[in-house]
Amino acid sequence: MKTVKLLSLALLVIMLAALLVTPALAAVEDVPAAESEVQTAEEDGGIGLKAVGAGIAIGLAAAGGGLGMGIVGGKAADGISRQPEMEGKIRTTMMLNLVFIETAIIYALLAVILIIFVL
C-alpha cells in the first residue's frame, strides 16, 4: 500500500510539472511577421490548446486506468493466494472490473477525439 501511495504521489508530481512546463515549451518566438501571416486563435481554431487539453485528458485517463488495473490485479492475486478454492469467482470478478476500467479509458479516448475533431 505504501508503494502505491508513493507511485501515486510521483505520478501527480510528474503531471503537475508537465502542466507547468507545457506553456513554456509551446511559447512562440517573437519574430516579426508580415501582416498577412499573422493568425489569431479564432482563425486557426485554437488547435494548440485543444491538443494540450486532449493530451492531459487522455494521459490522466490512461494513468488512472493503469493504476487501477494494477491494484485490481494485485488484490486478485492476493485473494487467490489466500483462498485458492475461490479462484474462479475471484478471476471472474477481476475480469469484470478490468472491463469497466478499460471502458472508462475508451470513453475518455472518445471524448478526446471529439474535442480534437468536432469542437
N, C-alpha and C. Protein backbone atom coordinates (compact mmCIF):
# COMPACT_ATOMS: atom_id res chain seq x y z
N MET A 1 0.83 -1.19 0.00
CA MET A 1 0.00 0.00 0.00
C MET A 1 0.88 1.26 0.00
N LYS A 2 2.00 1.17 0.69
CA LYS A 2 2.90 2.32 0.76
C LYS A 2 3.50 2.63 -0.61
N THR A 3 3.82 1.59 -1.37
CA THR A 3 4.39 1.83 -2.69
C THR A 3 3.36 2.41 -3.65
N VAL A 4 2.08 2.02 -3.48
CA VAL A 4 1.03 2.58 -4.33
C VAL A 4 0.86 4.07 -4.04
N LYS A 5 0.91 4.44 -2.78
CA LYS A 5 0.80 5.86 -2.42
C LYS A 5 2.00 6.64 -2.95
N LEU A 6 3.18 6.05 -2.85
CA LEU A 6 4.38 6.70 -3.34
C LEU A 6 4.33 6.85 -4.86
N LEU A 7 3.86 5.81 -5.56
CA LEU A 7 3.73 5.86 -7.00
C LEU A 7 2.69 6.91 -7.42
N SER A 8 1.59 6.98 -6.69
CA SER A 8 0.55 7.97 -6.99
C SER A 8 1.09 9.38 -6.79
N LEU A 9 1.85 9.60 -5.73
CA LEU A 9 2.42 10.91 -5.48
C LEU A 9 3.43 11.28 -6.56
N ALA A 10 4.25 10.33 -6.98
CA ALA A 10 5.22 10.60 -8.03
C ALA A 10 4.52 10.93 -9.35
N LEU A 11 3.45 10.21 -9.66
CA LEU A 11 2.68 10.47 -10.87
C LEU A 11 2.04 11.85 -10.82
N LEU A 12 1.53 12.24 -9.68
CA LEU A 12 0.94 13.56 -9.52
C LEU A 12 1.98 14.66 -9.72
N VAL A 13 3.16 14.47 -9.17
CA VAL A 13 4.23 15.46 -9.33
C VAL A 13 4.65 15.58 -10.79
N ILE A 14 4.75 14.45 -11.48
CA ILE A 14 5.13 14.48 -12.90
C ILE A 14 4.07 15.20 -13.72
N MET A 15 2.79 14.93 -13.44
CA MET A 15 1.71 15.59 -14.19
C MET A 15 1.68 17.08 -13.92
N LEU A 16 1.89 17.48 -12.66
CA LEU A 16 1.92 18.91 -12.35
C LEU A 16 3.10 19.59 -13.02
N ALA A 17 4.25 18.93 -13.04
CA ALA A 17 5.41 19.50 -13.71
C ALA A 17 5.16 19.66 -15.20
N ALA A 18 4.54 18.65 -15.81
CA ALA A 18 4.22 18.73 -17.24
C ALA A 18 3.22 19.84 -17.51
N LEU A 19 2.27 20.01 -16.61
CA LEU A 19 1.27 21.07 -16.78
C LEU A 19 1.90 22.45 -16.68
N LEU A 20 2.90 22.60 -15.82
CA LEU A 20 3.54 23.90 -15.66
C LEU A 20 4.57 24.18 -16.76
N VAL A 21 5.18 23.14 -17.31
CA VAL A 21 6.22 23.32 -18.32
C VAL A 21 5.64 23.47 -19.73
N THR A 22 4.47 22.90 -19.98
CA THR A 22 3.88 22.90 -21.32
C THR A 22 3.74 24.29 -21.92
N PRO A 23 3.21 25.29 -21.20
CA PRO A 23 3.11 26.62 -21.82
C PRO A 23 4.46 27.22 -22.20
N ALA A 24 5.49 26.93 -21.41
CA ALA A 24 6.80 27.46 -21.73
C ALA A 24 7.37 26.83 -23.00
N LEU A 25 7.11 25.55 -23.18
CA LEU A 25 7.60 24.87 -24.37
C LEU A 25 6.81 25.26 -25.61
N ALA A 26 5.55 25.64 -25.43
CA ALA A 26 4.71 25.98 -26.56
C ALA A 26 4.79 27.46 -26.94
N ALA A 27 5.58 28.23 -26.21
CA ALA A 27 5.68 29.65 -26.49
C ALA A 27 6.30 29.88 -27.88
N VAL A 28 5.74 30.83 -28.57
CA VAL A 28 6.22 31.17 -29.90
C VAL A 28 7.21 32.31 -29.77
N GLU A 29 8.29 32.22 -30.53
CA GLU A 29 9.28 33.29 -30.50
C GLU A 29 8.68 34.56 -31.08
N ASP A 30 9.15 35.69 -30.59
CA ASP A 30 8.66 36.98 -31.07
C ASP A 30 9.41 37.37 -32.34
N VAL A 31 9.05 36.75 -33.43
CA VAL A 31 9.66 37.04 -34.72
C VAL A 31 8.71 37.94 -35.49
N PRO A 32 9.19 39.07 -35.98
CA PRO A 32 8.29 39.93 -36.75
C PRO A 32 7.81 39.20 -38.00
N ALA A 33 6.51 39.23 -38.22
CA ALA A 33 5.92 38.56 -39.37
C ALA A 33 5.15 39.58 -40.19
N ALA A 34 4.93 39.23 -41.43
CA ALA A 34 4.15 40.10 -42.29
C ALA A 34 2.71 40.12 -41.80
N GLU A 35 2.01 41.16 -42.15
CA GLU A 35 0.63 41.31 -41.72
C GLU A 35 -0.24 40.16 -42.17
N SER A 36 0.02 39.61 -43.35
CA SER A 36 -0.82 38.54 -43.88
C SER A 36 -0.55 37.20 -43.19
N GLU A 37 0.61 37.05 -42.53
CA GLU A 37 0.96 35.79 -41.91
C GLU A 37 0.46 35.66 -40.48
N VAL A 38 -0.01 36.74 -39.90
CA VAL A 38 -0.45 36.71 -38.52
C VAL A 38 -1.81 36.03 -38.44
N GLN A 39 -1.91 35.01 -37.59
CA GLN A 39 -3.18 34.32 -37.39
C GLN A 39 -3.62 34.51 -35.96
N THR A 40 -4.90 34.65 -35.79
CA THR A 40 -5.45 34.74 -34.44
C THR A 40 -5.93 33.37 -34.01
N ALA A 41 -6.26 33.26 -32.75
CA ALA A 41 -6.74 31.98 -32.23
C ALA A 41 -8.06 31.57 -32.87
N GLU A 42 -8.87 32.57 -33.26
CA GLU A 42 -10.15 32.25 -33.89
C GLU A 42 -9.96 31.67 -35.29
N GLU A 43 -8.93 32.13 -36.00
CA GLU A 43 -8.71 31.67 -37.36
C GLU A 43 -8.19 30.23 -37.41
N ASP A 44 -7.29 29.88 -36.49
CA ASP A 44 -6.74 28.52 -36.53
C ASP A 44 -7.55 27.55 -35.67
N GLY A 45 -8.61 28.02 -35.06
CA GLY A 45 -9.47 27.14 -34.29
C GLY A 45 -8.95 26.82 -32.89
N GLY A 46 -7.86 27.43 -32.47
CA GLY A 46 -7.31 27.17 -31.14
C GLY A 46 -6.86 25.73 -30.99
N ILE A 47 -6.32 25.14 -32.04
CA ILE A 47 -5.95 23.73 -32.01
C ILE A 47 -4.84 23.45 -31.01
N GLY A 48 -4.01 24.44 -30.73
CA GLY A 48 -2.93 24.24 -29.77
C GLY A 48 -3.45 23.94 -28.38
N LEU A 49 -4.41 24.73 -27.92
CA LEU A 49 -4.98 24.50 -26.61
C LEU A 49 -5.82 23.22 -26.58
N LYS A 50 -6.46 22.91 -27.70
CA LYS A 50 -7.21 21.66 -27.78
C LYS A 50 -6.27 20.47 -27.65
N ALA A 51 -5.12 20.55 -28.29
CA ALA A 51 -4.15 19.46 -28.23
C ALA A 51 -3.60 19.28 -26.83
N VAL A 52 -3.32 20.38 -26.15
CA VAL A 52 -2.82 20.29 -24.78
C VAL A 52 -3.88 19.69 -23.87
N GLY A 53 -5.11 20.17 -24.00
CA GLY A 53 -6.19 19.64 -23.17
C GLY A 53 -6.46 18.17 -23.45
N ALA A 54 -6.43 17.80 -24.72
CA ALA A 54 -6.66 16.40 -25.08
C ALA A 54 -5.53 15.52 -24.56
N GLY A 55 -4.31 15.99 -24.66
CA GLY A 55 -3.18 15.22 -24.15
C GLY A 55 -3.24 15.02 -22.65
N ILE A 56 -3.61 16.06 -21.94
CA ILE A 56 -3.74 15.94 -20.49
C ILE A 56 -4.88 14.98 -20.14
N ALA A 57 -6.01 15.10 -20.84
CA ALA A 57 -7.17 14.26 -20.54
C ALA A 57 -6.87 12.78 -20.77
N ILE A 58 -6.30 12.44 -21.91
CA ILE A 58 -6.04 11.03 -22.19
C ILE A 58 -4.89 10.52 -21.32
N GLY A 59 -3.96 11.39 -20.99
CA GLY A 59 -2.87 10.99 -20.09
C GLY A 59 -3.38 10.65 -18.70
N LEU A 60 -4.27 11.48 -18.17
CA LEU A 60 -4.84 11.20 -16.86
C LEU A 60 -5.69 9.94 -16.89
N ALA A 61 -6.47 9.77 -17.96
CA ALA A 61 -7.30 8.57 -18.06
C ALA A 61 -6.45 7.31 -18.13
N ALA A 62 -5.40 7.35 -18.94
CA ALA A 62 -4.53 6.18 -19.08
C ALA A 62 -3.77 5.89 -17.79
N ALA A 63 -3.29 6.94 -17.14
CA ALA A 63 -2.55 6.75 -15.88
C ALA A 63 -3.47 6.22 -14.79
N GLY A 64 -4.65 6.80 -14.68
CA GLY A 64 -5.60 6.33 -13.68
C GLY A 64 -6.06 4.91 -13.96
N GLY A 65 -6.31 4.61 -15.22
CA GLY A 65 -6.73 3.26 -15.59
C GLY A 65 -5.63 2.24 -15.33
N GLY A 66 -4.41 2.59 -15.68
CA GLY A 66 -3.29 1.68 -15.44
C GLY A 66 -3.06 1.43 -13.97
N LEU A 67 -3.17 2.49 -13.17
CA LEU A 67 -3.01 2.34 -11.73
C LEU A 67 -4.13 1.48 -11.17
N GLY A 68 -5.36 1.73 -11.62
CA GLY A 68 -6.49 0.93 -11.15
C GLY A 68 -6.38 -0.53 -11.54
N MET A 69 -5.94 -0.79 -12.78
CA MET A 69 -5.78 -2.17 -13.22
C MET A 69 -4.70 -2.89 -12.42
N GLY A 70 -3.64 -2.18 -12.10
CA GLY A 70 -2.59 -2.78 -11.29
C GLY A 70 -3.07 -3.13 -9.90
N ILE A 71 -3.86 -2.25 -9.31
CA ILE A 71 -4.39 -2.52 -7.98
C ILE A 71 -5.35 -3.70 -8.02
N VAL A 72 -6.23 -3.73 -9.02
CA VAL A 72 -7.19 -4.84 -9.13
C VAL A 72 -6.46 -6.16 -9.32
N GLY A 73 -5.45 -6.18 -10.20
CA GLY A 73 -4.70 -7.42 -10.42
C GLY A 73 -3.96 -7.88 -9.18
N GLY A 74 -3.37 -6.94 -8.47
CA GLY A 74 -2.65 -7.29 -7.25
C GLY A 74 -3.57 -7.83 -6.17
N LYS A 75 -4.71 -7.20 -6.01
CA LYS A 75 -5.67 -7.66 -4.99
C LYS A 75 -6.25 -9.03 -5.37
N ALA A 76 -6.48 -9.24 -6.67
CA ALA A 76 -6.99 -10.54 -7.10
C ALA A 76 -5.95 -11.63 -6.83
N ALA A 77 -4.70 -11.36 -7.15
CA ALA A 77 -3.65 -12.35 -6.88
C ALA A 77 -3.53 -12.62 -5.39
N ASP A 78 -3.66 -11.58 -4.57
CA ASP A 78 -3.62 -11.74 -3.13
C ASP A 78 -4.79 -12.59 -2.64
N GLY A 79 -5.98 -12.32 -3.18
CA GLY A 79 -7.16 -13.09 -2.78
C GLY A 79 -7.07 -14.55 -3.20
N ILE A 80 -6.54 -14.80 -4.40
CA ILE A 80 -6.39 -16.19 -4.86
C ILE A 80 -5.36 -16.93 -4.01
N SER A 81 -4.30 -16.23 -3.62
CA SER A 81 -3.28 -16.90 -2.80
C SER A 81 -3.80 -17.21 -1.41
N ARG A 82 -4.74 -16.41 -0.92
CA ARG A 82 -5.31 -16.66 0.41
C ARG A 82 -6.39 -17.74 0.37
N GLN A 83 -7.18 -17.76 -0.72
CA GLN A 83 -8.26 -18.74 -0.84
C GLN A 83 -8.23 -19.37 -2.23
N PRO A 84 -7.40 -20.35 -2.45
CA PRO A 84 -7.27 -20.95 -3.78
C PRO A 84 -8.57 -21.58 -4.29
N GLU A 85 -9.44 -22.00 -3.41
CA GLU A 85 -10.69 -22.62 -3.85
C GLU A 85 -11.65 -21.62 -4.46
N MET A 86 -11.45 -20.33 -4.26
CA MET A 86 -12.32 -19.28 -4.80
C MET A 86 -11.73 -18.67 -6.07
N GLU A 87 -10.76 -19.35 -6.66
CA GLU A 87 -10.05 -18.78 -7.81
C GLU A 87 -10.98 -18.40 -8.96
N GLY A 88 -11.94 -19.23 -9.29
CA GLY A 88 -12.85 -18.95 -10.41
C GLY A 88 -13.67 -17.69 -10.20
N LYS A 89 -14.25 -17.56 -9.01
CA LYS A 89 -15.08 -16.38 -8.72
C LYS A 89 -14.23 -15.11 -8.65
N ILE A 90 -13.05 -15.22 -8.07
CA ILE A 90 -12.18 -14.04 -7.97
C ILE A 90 -11.73 -13.60 -9.36
N ARG A 91 -11.36 -14.57 -10.20
CA ARG A 91 -10.92 -14.24 -11.55
C ARG A 91 -12.06 -13.60 -12.36
N THR A 92 -13.26 -14.13 -12.22
CA THR A 92 -14.41 -13.57 -12.94
C THR A 92 -14.68 -12.14 -12.50
N THR A 93 -14.64 -11.90 -11.21
CA THR A 93 -14.87 -10.55 -10.70
C THR A 93 -13.75 -9.60 -11.14
N MET A 94 -12.51 -10.11 -11.13
CA MET A 94 -11.39 -9.29 -11.57
C MET A 94 -11.55 -8.89 -13.04
N MET A 95 -11.90 -9.83 -13.89
CA MET A 95 -12.07 -9.54 -15.32
C MET A 95 -13.18 -8.53 -15.55
N LEU A 96 -14.28 -8.67 -14.81
CA LEU A 96 -15.39 -7.73 -14.94
C LEU A 96 -14.94 -6.32 -14.54
N ASN A 97 -14.18 -6.22 -13.46
CA ASN A 97 -13.68 -4.91 -13.03
C ASN A 97 -12.69 -4.33 -14.05
N LEU A 98 -11.84 -5.16 -14.63
CA LEU A 98 -10.91 -4.68 -15.64
C LEU A 98 -11.64 -4.17 -16.87
N VAL A 99 -12.74 -4.84 -17.24
CA VAL A 99 -13.53 -4.37 -18.38
C VAL A 99 -14.13 -3.01 -18.09
N PHE A 100 -14.64 -2.80 -16.89
CA PHE A 100 -15.21 -1.49 -16.54
C PHE A 100 -14.15 -0.39 -16.56
N ILE A 101 -12.96 -0.69 -16.06
CA ILE A 101 -11.88 0.30 -16.08
C ILE A 101 -11.49 0.63 -17.51
N GLU A 102 -11.35 -0.39 -18.34
CA GLU A 102 -10.98 -0.18 -19.75
C GLU A 102 -12.06 0.61 -20.49
N THR A 103 -13.32 0.38 -20.14
CA THR A 103 -14.41 1.13 -20.76
C THR A 103 -14.31 2.61 -20.42
N ALA A 104 -13.95 2.93 -19.20
CA ALA A 104 -13.78 4.33 -18.82
C ALA A 104 -12.65 4.98 -19.62
N ILE A 105 -11.58 4.24 -19.86
CA ILE A 105 -10.47 4.77 -20.66
C ILE A 105 -10.91 4.99 -22.11
N ILE A 106 -11.69 4.06 -22.65
CA ILE A 106 -12.17 4.22 -24.02
C ILE A 106 -13.11 5.41 -24.13
N TYR A 107 -13.95 5.63 -23.12
CA TYR A 107 -14.81 6.82 -23.12
C TYR A 107 -13.98 8.10 -23.12
N ALA A 108 -12.90 8.11 -22.37
CA ALA A 108 -12.01 9.27 -22.36
C ALA A 108 -11.38 9.47 -23.73
N LEU A 109 -11.00 8.38 -24.39
CA LEU A 109 -10.44 8.47 -25.73
C LEU A 109 -11.46 9.05 -26.71
N LEU A 110 -12.70 8.60 -26.62
CA LEU A 110 -13.75 9.15 -27.49
C LEU A 110 -13.98 10.63 -27.22
N ALA A 111 -13.94 11.03 -25.95
CA ALA A 111 -14.10 12.44 -25.62
C ALA A 111 -12.95 13.26 -26.20
N VAL A 112 -11.74 12.73 -26.15
CA VAL A 112 -10.58 13.43 -26.71
C VAL A 112 -10.70 13.56 -28.21
N ILE A 113 -11.15 12.49 -28.87
CA ILE A 113 -11.34 12.54 -30.32
C ILE A 113 -12.38 13.59 -30.69
N LEU A 114 -13.46 13.66 -29.90
CA LEU A 114 -14.48 14.68 -30.14
C LEU A 114 -13.93 16.09 -29.92
N ILE A 115 -13.12 16.26 -28.90
CA ILE A 115 -12.52 17.57 -28.63
C ILE A 115 -11.66 18.02 -29.81
N ILE A 116 -10.85 17.10 -30.30
CA ILE A 116 -9.92 17.48 -31.37
C ILE A 116 -10.63 17.73 -32.70
N PHE A 117 -11.54 16.85 -33.09
CA PHE A 117 -12.09 16.93 -34.43
C PHE A 117 -13.43 17.66 -34.53
N VAL A 118 -14.20 17.76 -33.47
CA VAL A 118 -15.52 18.36 -33.56
C VAL A 118 -15.54 19.78 -33.00
N LEU A 119 -14.96 19.98 -31.86
CA LEU A 119 -15.03 21.33 -31.23
C LEU A 119 -14.07 22.31 -31.89
